[in-house]
Amino acid sequence: IVRGSPYITVEYSGVAAAVGSEQMLQPADDGSPTPNITVDGVGVVCDGARTFSGSVFALDLLQSDSTWRVFSDPETRWRCHASPFLLTAVSGRATTIRVA
């Protein structure tokens, strides 16, 4: 986050946390057919099936060529869908996320 850039902080309690866009993720750099996101600096396939956890998620949206950063409690498990982009917590545990 740089000075002047917009961000939003959301606190979830009793519902599954989710953040998404009508846009699709950029294709993966490695040429694989499934886009990926970066979780704590490591590429994770965004196929809607795998779950993962981490503190910092980075993703690139195709249509706007923008990069989002999502900051999360590292104990929250997530599932990612590439098109349209949707990052959803696997459980309804209380968590707070920040999107920039």
Protein backbone atom coordinates (compact mmCIF):
# COMPACT_ATOMS: atom_id res chain seq x y z
CA ILE A 1 0.00 0.00 0.00
CA VAL A 2 1.38 3.39 -0.94
CA ARG A 3 0.33 6.76 0.37
CA GLY A 4 -2.89 7.83 -1.29
CA SER A 5 -3.89 4.41 -2.62
CA PRO A 6 -7.42 3.29 -1.69
CA TYR A 7 -8.06 0.27 0.50
CA ILE A 8 -10.92 -1.30 2.39
CA THR A 9 -10.91 -3.23 5.67
CA VAL A 10 -13.77 -5.64 6.37
CA GLU A 11 -14.49 -7.60 9.54
CA TYR A 12 -16.52 -10.81 9.17
CA SER A 13 -18.21 -12.66 12.03
CA GLY A 14 -20.52 -15.66 11.66
CA VAL A 15 -20.34 -15.68 7.84
CA ALA A 16 -17.72 -16.85 5.37
CA ALA A 17 -15.46 -13.98 4.30
CA ALA A 18 -15.36 -13.30 0.56
CA VAL A 19 -13.89 -10.80 -1.86
CA GLY A 20 -14.38 -10.84 -5.62
CA SER A 21 -14.68 -9.03 -8.91
CA GLU A 22 -16.61 -9.48 -12.14
CA GLN A 23 -13.22 -9.62 -13.86
CA MET A 24 -11.07 -12.68 -14.54
CA LEU A 25 -7.56 -13.31 -13.26
CA GLN A 26 -4.58 -12.87 -15.59
CA PRO A 27 -3.35 -16.14 -17.11
CA ALA A 28 -0.55 -17.85 -15.20
CA ASP A 29 3.03 -16.86 -16.04
CA ASP A 30 4.07 -20.50 -16.25
CA GLY A 31 1.78 -21.21 -19.21
CA SER A 32 -0.61 -23.45 -17.28
CA PRO A 33 -4.27 -23.21 -18.28
CA THR A 34 -5.41 -22.28 -14.76
CA PRO A 35 -4.60 -18.79 -13.45
CA ASN A 36 -2.85 -18.48 -10.14
CA ILE A 37 -2.43 -16.01 -7.33
CA THR A 38 0.54 -15.45 -5.07
CA VAL A 39 0.18 -16.36 -1.39
CA ASP A 40 3.01 -15.16 0.84
CA GLY A 41 5.24 -15.04 -2.25
CA VAL A 42 4.40 -18.54 -3.52
CA GLY A 43 2.20 -19.26 -6.57
CA VAL A 44 -1.09 -21.03 -5.82
CA VAL A 45 -3.39 -22.43 -8.52
CA CYS A 46 -6.78 -20.72 -8.53
CA ASP A 47 -8.92 -23.70 -9.59
CA GLY A 48 -11.83 -23.53 -7.12
CA ALA A 49 -10.87 -26.86 -5.56
CA ARG A 50 -7.70 -26.33 -3.51
CA THR A 51 -7.67 -24.56 -0.18
CA PHE A 52 -4.80 -22.57 1.28
CA SER A 53 -3.95 -20.06 3.97
CA GLY A 54 -1.56 -17.15 4.22
CA SER A 55 -1.15 -13.51 5.21
CA VAL A 56 -0.63 -11.69 1.90
CA PHE A 57 -2.36 -12.58 -1.37
CA ALA A 58 -1.46 -10.87 -4.66
CA LEU A 59 -3.51 -11.19 -7.82
CA ASP A 60 -3.65 -9.56 -11.24
CA LEU A 61 -6.99 -8.86 -12.93
CA LEU A 62 -7.16 -9.29 -16.71
CA GLN A 63 -9.59 -6.63 -17.91
CA SER A 64 -8.31 -3.68 -15.86
CA ASP A 65 -4.66 -4.80 -15.70
CA SER A 66 -4.74 -3.95 -12.00
CA THR A 67 -3.08 -5.74 -9.10
CA TRP A 68 -4.89 -6.37 -5.83
CA ARG A 69 -3.36 -7.23 -2.47
CA VAL A 70 -5.47 -9.00 0.14
CA PHE A 71 -4.18 -9.14 3.71
CA SER A 72 -5.66 -11.86 5.91
CA ASP A 73 -5.41 -13.64 9.23
CA PRO A 74 -3.00 -16.52 8.41
CA GLU A 75 -5.25 -19.07 10.15
CA THR A 76 -8.16 -18.50 7.74
CA ARG A 77 -8.38 -21.09 4.93
CA TRP A 78 -9.38 -19.82 1.48
CA ARG A 79 -10.62 -21.14 -1.87
CA CYS A 80 -10.09 -19.23 -5.12
CA HIS A 81 -12.12 -19.13 -8.36
CA ALA A 82 -10.48 -17.50 -11.39
CA SER A 83 -13.43 -16.45 -13.58
CA PRO A 84 -15.04 -14.35 -12.35
CA PHE A 85 -12.51 -13.87 -9.57
CA LEU A 86 -13.75 -14.92 -6.13
CA LEU A 87 -11.72 -15.56 -2.98
CA THR A 88 -13.89 -17.22 -0.31
CA ALA A 89 -13.07 -18.34 3.23
CA VAL A 90 -13.73 -22.05 3.72
CA SER A 91 -15.39 -21.54 7.12
CA GLY A 92 -17.42 -18.86 8.83
CA ARG A 93 -14.80 -18.13 11.51
CA ALA A 94 -14.41 -14.50 12.54
CA THR A 95 -11.72 -12.78 10.46
CA THR A 96 -10.68 -9.39 9.18
CA ILE A 97 -9.26 -8.72 5.73
CA ARG A 98 -7.81 -5.66 4.04
CA VAL A 99 -7.96 -5.23 0.24
CA ALA A 100 -5.74 -2.74 -1.54
